[in-house]
Amino acid sequence: MRRVGFSIDGHGPFEGIMKFATPGEILVEFIAIPARAEDFAGARTIRVTPEDEDPFEAPVVRVTTYGGQYDDAAGTMTGYVVFQR
């Protein structure tokens, strides 16, 4: 796990935690970012900026929000983005 900055199709920057998922896939988990699930509908590219490496872009496999949660009061959502590298 490592902290990263990320943006999806120009939305961002946000902060999250990058983790390995299934073989060939990596995910960035995010908590309470100022975005709506609709902002990521049809997402195609994630740009990841690790703390200790050069930024890179990768194709998005899927974006999942926890229970479709969007906290209207706080204006945030929580979930993860799976991508291939």
N, C-alpha and C. Protein backbone atom coordinates (compact mmCIF):
# COMPACT_ATOMS: atom_id res chain seq x y z
N MET A 1 0.85 -1.18 0.00
CA MET A 1 0.00 0.00 0.00
C MET A 1 0.89 1.24 0.00
N ARG A 2 0.44 2.23 -0.74
CA ARG A 2 1.15 3.50 -0.71
C ARG A 2 0.20 4.62 -1.08
N ARG A 3 0.46 5.78 -0.53
CA ARG A 3 -0.36 6.96 -0.80
C ARG A 3 -0.05 7.47 -2.21
N VAL A 4 -1.09 7.88 -2.90
CA VAL A 4 -0.92 8.43 -4.25
C VAL A 4 -1.90 9.58 -4.46
N GLY A 5 -1.56 10.41 -5.41
CA GLY A 5 -2.50 11.38 -5.94
C GLY A 5 -3.06 10.76 -7.22
N PHE A 6 -4.28 11.11 -7.60
CA PHE A 6 -4.82 10.57 -8.84
C PHE A 6 -5.87 11.50 -9.41
N SER A 7 -6.08 11.37 -10.70
CA SER A 7 -7.18 12.05 -11.37
C SER A 7 -7.75 11.08 -12.40
N ILE A 8 -9.03 11.25 -12.69
CA ILE A 8 -9.71 10.37 -13.64
C ILE A 8 -10.33 11.23 -14.73
N ASP A 9 -9.87 11.01 -15.95
CA ASP A 9 -10.39 11.78 -17.10
C ASP A 9 -10.47 13.27 -16.81
N GLY A 10 -9.45 13.81 -16.16
CA GLY A 10 -9.40 15.24 -15.89
C GLY A 10 -10.08 15.68 -14.60
N HIS A 11 -10.77 14.78 -13.91
CA HIS A 11 -11.38 15.11 -12.62
C HIS A 11 -10.34 14.86 -11.53
N GLY A 12 -10.11 15.82 -10.70
CA GLY A 12 -9.12 15.68 -9.64
C GLY A 12 -8.26 16.94 -9.60
N PRO A 13 -7.20 16.92 -8.87
CA PRO A 13 -6.57 15.75 -8.24
C PRO A 13 -7.25 15.37 -6.94
N PHE A 14 -7.14 14.07 -6.64
CA PHE A 14 -7.64 13.50 -5.40
C PHE A 14 -6.50 12.74 -4.73
N GLU A 15 -6.72 12.28 -3.52
CA GLU A 15 -5.74 11.45 -2.82
C GLU A 15 -6.35 10.10 -2.52
N GLY A 16 -5.51 9.06 -2.53
CA GLY A 16 -5.98 7.73 -2.23
C GLY A 16 -4.83 6.82 -1.85
N ILE A 17 -5.14 5.53 -1.70
CA ILE A 17 -4.17 4.50 -1.36
C ILE A 17 -4.15 3.49 -2.50
N MET A 18 -2.95 3.23 -3.05
CA MET A 18 -2.82 2.26 -4.13
C MET A 18 -2.50 0.89 -3.55
N LYS A 19 -3.25 -0.13 -4.02
CA LYS A 19 -3.09 -1.51 -3.54
C LYS A 19 -3.10 -2.45 -4.74
N PHE A 20 -2.51 -3.62 -4.58
CA PHE A 20 -2.60 -4.63 -5.63
C PHE A 20 -3.93 -5.35 -5.47
N ALA A 21 -4.57 -5.65 -6.60
CA ALA A 21 -5.85 -6.36 -6.60
C ALA A 21 -5.60 -7.75 -7.17
N THR A 22 -6.30 -8.14 -8.20
CA THR A 22 -6.09 -9.42 -8.84
C THR A 22 -4.86 -9.32 -9.74
N PRO A 23 -4.31 -10.44 -10.21
CA PRO A 23 -3.12 -10.37 -11.08
C PRO A 23 -3.37 -9.47 -12.29
N GLY A 24 -2.46 -8.54 -12.50
CA GLY A 24 -2.57 -7.61 -13.61
C GLY A 24 -3.40 -6.38 -13.34
N GLU A 25 -4.03 -6.32 -12.16
CA GLU A 25 -4.85 -5.16 -11.81
C GLU A 25 -4.37 -4.53 -10.51
N ILE A 26 -4.51 -3.23 -10.46
CA ILE A 26 -4.15 -2.45 -9.27
C ILE A 26 -5.37 -1.59 -8.95
N LEU A 27 -5.54 -1.24 -7.70
CA LEU A 27 -6.65 -0.35 -7.37
C LEU A 27 -6.18 0.81 -6.54
N VAL A 28 -6.92 1.90 -6.66
CA VAL A 28 -6.72 3.07 -5.81
C VAL A 28 -8.00 3.24 -5.02
N GLU A 29 -7.88 3.11 -3.72
CA GLU A 29 -9.03 3.30 -2.84
C GLU A 29 -9.06 4.75 -2.39
N PHE A 30 -10.25 5.33 -2.38
CA PHE A 30 -10.39 6.73 -1.96
C PHE A 30 -11.48 6.85 -0.92
N ILE A 31 -11.30 7.82 -0.05
CA ILE A 31 -12.26 8.06 1.03
C ILE A 31 -12.64 9.53 1.01
N ALA A 32 -13.93 9.77 0.92
CA ALA A 32 -14.50 11.11 1.03
C ALA A 32 -13.85 12.12 0.08
N ILE A 33 -13.82 11.77 -1.23
CA ILE A 33 -13.32 12.73 -2.20
C ILE A 33 -14.47 13.61 -2.68
N PRO A 34 -14.19 14.84 -3.06
CA PRO A 34 -15.25 15.76 -3.49
C PRO A 34 -15.67 15.50 -4.94
N ALA A 35 -16.43 14.43 -5.16
CA ALA A 35 -16.87 14.06 -6.50
C ALA A 35 -18.16 13.25 -6.38
N ARG A 36 -18.83 13.09 -7.51
CA ARG A 36 -20.04 12.27 -7.60
C ARG A 36 -19.74 11.07 -8.50
N ALA A 37 -20.44 9.98 -8.32
CA ALA A 37 -20.25 8.79 -9.15
C ALA A 37 -20.45 9.14 -10.62
N GLU A 38 -21.36 10.05 -10.91
CA GLU A 38 -21.61 10.45 -12.29
C GLU A 38 -20.36 11.05 -12.95
N ASP A 39 -19.50 11.68 -12.14
CA ASP A 39 -18.27 12.27 -12.67
C ASP A 39 -17.37 11.20 -13.27
N PHE A 40 -17.48 9.96 -12.77
CA PHE A 40 -16.60 8.88 -13.21
C PHE A 40 -17.29 7.91 -14.16
N ALA A 41 -18.54 8.16 -14.52
CA ALA A 41 -19.26 7.27 -15.43
C ALA A 41 -18.53 7.22 -16.76
N GLY A 42 -18.26 6.02 -17.23
CA GLY A 42 -17.54 5.86 -18.49
C GLY A 42 -16.07 6.24 -18.41
N ALA A 43 -15.51 6.24 -17.21
CA ALA A 43 -14.11 6.62 -17.02
C ALA A 43 -13.21 5.76 -17.89
N ARG A 44 -12.21 6.39 -18.49
CA ARG A 44 -11.33 5.67 -19.40
C ARG A 44 -9.87 5.66 -18.95
N THR A 45 -9.41 6.74 -18.31
CA THR A 45 -8.00 6.83 -17.96
C THR A 45 -7.82 7.37 -16.55
N ILE A 46 -6.92 6.76 -15.82
CA ILE A 46 -6.53 7.26 -14.51
C ILE A 46 -5.08 7.72 -14.61
N ARG A 47 -4.79 8.86 -14.02
CA ARG A 47 -3.41 9.35 -13.92
C ARG A 47 -3.04 9.25 -12.45
N VAL A 48 -2.00 8.47 -12.16
CA VAL A 48 -1.58 8.21 -10.79
C VAL A 48 -0.24 8.88 -10.54
N THR A 49 -0.12 9.55 -9.39
CA THR A 49 1.11 10.20 -9.00
C THR A 49 1.57 9.64 -7.66
N PRO A 50 2.41 8.57 -7.69
CA PRO A 50 2.94 8.03 -6.44
C PRO A 50 3.89 9.03 -5.79
N GLU A 51 4.05 8.92 -4.47
CA GLU A 51 4.92 9.85 -3.75
C GLU A 51 6.38 9.76 -4.20
N ASP A 52 6.83 8.56 -4.55
CA ASP A 52 8.26 8.36 -4.80
C ASP A 52 8.57 7.90 -6.22
N GLU A 53 7.65 8.07 -7.16
CA GLU A 53 7.86 7.65 -8.54
C GLU A 53 7.30 8.69 -9.50
N ASP A 54 7.62 8.51 -10.77
CA ASP A 54 7.05 9.38 -11.79
C ASP A 54 5.57 9.07 -11.98
N PRO A 55 4.78 10.07 -12.34
CA PRO A 55 3.36 9.84 -12.62
C PRO A 55 3.20 8.92 -13.83
N PHE A 56 2.08 8.20 -13.89
CA PHE A 56 1.79 7.35 -15.03
C PHE A 56 0.29 7.35 -15.29
N GLU A 57 -0.09 6.99 -16.52
CA GLU A 57 -1.49 6.85 -16.89
C GLU A 57 -1.78 5.39 -17.20
N ALA A 58 -3.01 4.97 -16.92
CA ALA A 58 -3.40 3.58 -17.15
C ALA A 58 -4.88 3.53 -17.50
N PRO A 59 -5.30 2.47 -18.21
CA PRO A 59 -6.72 2.34 -18.53
C PRO A 59 -7.53 1.89 -17.31
N VAL A 60 -8.68 2.52 -17.13
CA VAL A 60 -9.59 2.18 -16.02
C VAL A 60 -10.36 0.92 -16.39
N VAL A 61 -10.43 -0.03 -15.46
CA VAL A 61 -11.23 -1.25 -15.63
C VAL A 61 -12.63 -0.99 -15.10
N ARG A 62 -12.71 -0.45 -13.87
CA ARG A 62 -14.01 -0.12 -13.29
C ARG A 62 -13.83 0.84 -12.11
N VAL A 63 -14.89 1.57 -11.83
CA VAL A 63 -14.95 2.46 -10.67
C VAL A 63 -16.12 1.97 -9.82
N THR A 64 -15.87 1.75 -8.55
CA THR A 64 -16.91 1.28 -7.64
C THR A 64 -17.01 2.23 -6.46
N THR A 65 -18.24 2.65 -6.16
CA THR A 65 -18.46 3.43 -4.95
C THR A 65 -19.12 2.52 -3.94
N TYR A 66 -18.79 2.70 -2.69
CA TYR A 66 -19.34 1.84 -1.65
C TYR A 66 -20.82 2.09 -1.49
N GLY A 67 -21.61 1.14 -1.98
CA GLY A 67 -23.05 1.25 -1.89
C GLY A 67 -23.60 2.42 -2.68
N GLY A 68 -22.81 2.90 -3.67
CA GLY A 68 -23.25 4.06 -4.41
C GLY A 68 -23.29 5.30 -3.54
N GLN A 69 -22.52 5.28 -2.48
CA GLN A 69 -22.58 6.35 -1.49
C GLN A 69 -22.08 7.67 -2.02
N TYR A 70 -22.88 8.67 -1.86
CA TYR A 70 -22.48 10.05 -2.06
C TYR A 70 -23.08 10.79 -0.88
N ASP A 71 -22.26 11.39 -0.09
CA ASP A 71 -22.73 12.10 1.08
C ASP A 71 -23.10 13.52 0.65
N ASP A 72 -24.38 13.75 0.43
CA ASP A 72 -24.83 15.06 -0.04
C ASP A 72 -24.48 16.16 0.95
N ALA A 73 -24.55 15.87 2.22
CA ALA A 73 -24.26 16.90 3.22
C ALA A 73 -22.80 17.34 3.15
N ALA A 74 -21.90 16.38 2.97
CA ALA A 74 -20.47 16.71 2.92
C ALA A 74 -19.99 16.93 1.48
N GLY A 75 -20.76 16.47 0.50
CA GLY A 75 -20.35 16.62 -0.89
C GLY A 75 -19.20 15.71 -1.27
N THR A 76 -19.18 14.49 -0.70
CA THR A 76 -18.08 13.55 -0.95
C THR A 76 -18.58 12.15 -1.25
N MET A 77 -17.69 11.31 -1.82
CA MET A 77 -18.00 9.89 -2.01
C MET A 77 -16.77 9.05 -1.69
N THR A 78 -17.00 7.76 -1.48
CA THR A 78 -15.95 6.81 -1.10
C THR A 78 -16.04 5.60 -2.00
N GLY A 79 -14.91 5.02 -2.38
CA GLY A 79 -14.91 3.84 -3.23
C GLY A 79 -13.51 3.49 -3.71
N TYR A 80 -13.43 2.89 -4.91
CA TYR A 80 -12.12 2.56 -5.46
C TYR A 80 -12.18 2.50 -6.98
N VAL A 81 -11.00 2.63 -7.59
CA VAL A 81 -10.83 2.56 -9.04
C VAL A 81 -9.87 1.41 -9.33
N VAL A 82 -10.26 0.49 -10.19
CA VAL A 82 -9.40 -0.61 -10.60
C VAL A 82 -8.85 -0.28 -11.99
N PHE A 83 -7.54 -0.48 -12.16
CA PHE A 83 -6.93 -0.22 -13.46
C PHE A 83 -5.88 -1.25 -13.76
N GLN A 84 -5.47 -1.29 -15.03
CA GLN A 84 -4.43 -2.24 -15.47
C GLN A 84 -3.16 -1.46 -15.74
N ARG A 85 -2.07 -2.12 -15.41
CA ARG A 85 -0.79 -1.45 -15.66
C ARG A 85 0.13 -2.39 -16.38
